[in-house]
Amino acid sequence: MGKGSAPRPMPDKKAFDKNFDAVFNKAPDSGPKPKAQIMREMRERRNNEGMTELHVWVTPQQKLAIEAILEADTAPLR
């Protein structure tokens, strides 16, 4: 609302509530979209585990060395 305007009158509130999904293309009590939920969970996991995103440009040889380090880091301990 702006400039002190009042909300528009709603002559038939029951009909509006009944057609909410047609008006707004979603159910009134629908939860977040599946992708949004997945993104939220991944963000929480990254924050909880202290993960950091890293982007680098490497040569093919450097890529192999980095992959070897990452594989060694994730290998089960004996």
C-alpha atoms as a PDB file:
ATOM      1  CA  MET A   1       0.000   0.000   0.000  1.00  0.00           C
ATOM      2  CA  GLY A   2       1.181   3.455  -0.676  1.00  0.00           C
ATOM      3  CA  LYS A   3       0.224   7.023  -0.002  1.00  0.00           C
ATOM      4  CA  GLY A   4      -2.263   6.101   2.691  1.00  0.00           C
ATOM      5  CA  SER A   5      -4.496   4.074   0.404  1.00  0.00           C
ATOM      6  CA  ALA A   6      -6.797   1.523   1.950  1.00  0.00           C
ATOM      7  CA  PRO A   7      -6.869  -2.082   0.761  1.00  0.00           C
ATOM      8  CA  ARG A   8      -9.344  -2.796  -1.987  1.00  0.00           C
ATOM      9  CA  PRO A   9     -12.630  -4.211  -0.741  1.00  0.00           C
ATOM     10  CA  MET A  10     -13.109  -7.929  -1.266  1.00  0.00           C
ATOM     11  CA  PRO A  11     -16.793  -8.593  -1.998  1.00  0.00           C
ATOM     12  CA  ASP A  12     -16.608 -12.391  -1.751  1.00  0.00           C
ATOM     13  CA  LYS A  13     -13.824 -13.615   0.564  1.00  0.00           C
ATOM     14  CA  LYS A  14     -15.002 -17.250   0.439  1.00  0.00           C
ATOM     15  CA  ALA A  15     -14.814 -17.341  -3.358  1.00  0.00           C
ATOM     16  CA  PHE A  16     -11.370 -15.737  -3.246  1.00  0.00           C
ATOM     17  CA  ASP A  17     -10.074 -18.306  -0.745  1.00  0.00           C
ATOM     18  CA  LYS A  18     -11.595 -21.113  -2.808  1.00  0.00           C
ATOM     19  CA  ASN A  19      -9.839 -19.865  -5.973  1.00  0.00           C
ATOM     20  CA  PHE A  20      -6.522 -18.990  -4.300  1.00  0.00           C
ATOM     21  CA  ASP A  21      -4.572 -21.592  -6.282  1.00  0.00           C
ATOM     22  CA  ALA A  22      -6.014 -20.315  -9.575  1.00  0.00           C
ATOM     23  CA  VAL A  23      -5.262 -16.699  -8.682  1.00  0.00           C
ATOM     24  CA  PHE A  24      -1.703 -17.201  -7.410  1.00  0.00           C
ATOM     25  CA  ASN A  25      -0.892 -20.544  -9.094  1.00  0.00           C
ATOM     26  CA  LYS A  26      -0.219 -22.291  -5.782  1.00  0.00           C
ATOM     27  CA  ALA A  27      -2.044 -23.622  -2.756  1.00  0.00           C
ATOM     28  CA  PRO A  28      -2.361 -21.224   0.194  1.00  0.00           C
ATOM     29  CA  ASP A  29      -0.603 -23.594   2.618  1.00  0.00           C
ATOM     30  CA  SER A  30       1.922 -25.062   0.192  1.00  0.00           C
ATOM     31  CA  GLY A  31       5.430 -25.382   1.530  1.00  0.00           C
ATOM     32  CA  PRO A  32       8.578 -24.317  -0.235  1.00  0.00           C
ATOM     33  CA  LYS A  33       9.289 -25.648  -3.669  1.00  0.00           C
ATOM     34  CA  PRO A  34      11.347 -28.855  -3.678  1.00  0.00           C
ATOM     35  CA  LYS A  35      14.435 -27.172  -5.170  1.00  0.00           C
ATOM     36  CA  ALA A  36      14.215 -24.375  -2.615  1.00  0.00           C
ATOM     37  CA  GLN A  37      14.053 -26.941   0.178  1.00  0.00           C
ATOM     38  CA  ILE A  38      17.083 -28.795  -1.201  1.00  0.00           C
ATOM     39  CA  MET A  39      19.069 -25.574  -1.510  1.00  0.00           C
ATOM     40  CA  ARG A  40      18.138 -24.605   2.067  1.00  0.00           C
ATOM     41  CA  GLU A  41      19.274 -27.995   3.410  1.00  0.00           C
ATOM     42  CA  MET A  42      22.567 -27.833   1.514  1.00  0.00           C
ATOM     43  CA  ARG A  43      23.227 -24.297   2.792  1.00  0.00           C
ATOM     44  CA  GLU A  44      22.580 -25.468   6.373  1.00  0.00           C
ATOM     45  CA  ARG A  45      24.882 -28.468   5.871  1.00  0.00           C
ATOM     46  CA  ARG A  46      27.674 -26.289   4.467  1.00  0.00           C
ATOM     47  CA  ASN A  47      27.345 -23.918   7.416  1.00  0.00           C
ATOM     48  CA  ASN A  48      27.278 -26.740   9.983  1.00  0.00           C
ATOM     49  CA  GLU A  49      30.259 -28.588   8.498  1.00  0.00           C
ATOM     50  CA  GLY A  50      32.278 -25.458   7.800  1.00  0.00           C
ATOM     51  CA  MET A  51      32.571 -26.216   4.088  1.00  0.00           C
ATOM     52  CA  THR A  52      34.032 -23.613   1.729  1.00  0.00           C
ATOM     53  CA  GLU A  53      33.482 -23.281  -2.004  1.00  0.00           C
ATOM     54  CA  LEU A  54      36.664 -23.023  -4.069  1.00  0.00           C
ATOM     55  CA  HIS A  55      37.070 -22.180  -7.768  1.00  0.00           C
ATOM     56  CA  VAL A  56      40.509 -22.447  -9.378  1.00  0.00           C
ATOM     57  CA  TRP A  57      42.016 -22.770 -12.830  1.00  0.00           C
ATOM     58  CA  VAL A  58      44.558 -25.599 -13.021  1.00  0.00           C
ATOM     59  CA  THR A  59      46.559 -27.480 -15.611  1.00  0.00           C
ATOM     60  CA  PRO A  60      45.679 -31.124 -16.334  1.00  0.00           C
ATOM     61  CA  GLN A  61      48.660 -32.256 -14.240  1.00  0.00           C
ATOM     62  CA  GLN A  62      47.582 -30.080 -11.316  1.00  0.00           C
ATOM     63  CA  LYS A  63      44.058 -31.466 -11.614  1.00  0.00           C
ATOM     64  CA  LEU A  64      45.372 -35.028 -11.262  1.00  0.00           C
ATOM     65  CA  ALA A  65      47.455 -34.054  -8.231  1.00  0.00           C
ATOM     66  CA  ILE A  66      44.502 -32.325  -6.559  1.00  0.00           C
ATOM     67  CA  GLU A  67      42.207 -35.291  -7.248  1.00  0.00           C
ATOM     68  CA  ALA A  68      44.800 -37.629  -5.691  1.00  0.00           C
ATOM     69  CA  ILE A  69      44.941 -35.444  -2.578  1.00  0.00           C
ATOM     70  CA  LEU A  70      41.150 -35.355  -2.316  1.00  0.00           C
ATOM     71  CA  GLU A  71      40.862 -39.130  -2.771  1.00  0.00           C
ATOM     72  CA  ALA A  72      43.499 -39.715  -0.075  1.00  0.00           C
ATOM     73  CA  ASP A  73      41.668 -37.323   2.239  1.00  0.00           C
ATOM     74  CA  THR A  74      38.345 -39.159   1.825  1.00  0.00           C
ATOM     75  CA  ALA A  75      39.783 -42.697   2.001  1.00  0.00           C
ATOM     76  CA  PRO A  76      38.721 -44.676   5.077  1.00  0.00           C
ATOM     77  CA  LEU A  77      41.306 -44.880   7.851  1.00  0.00           C
ATOM     78  CA  ARG A  78      42.808 -48.292   8.639  1.00  0.00           C
END
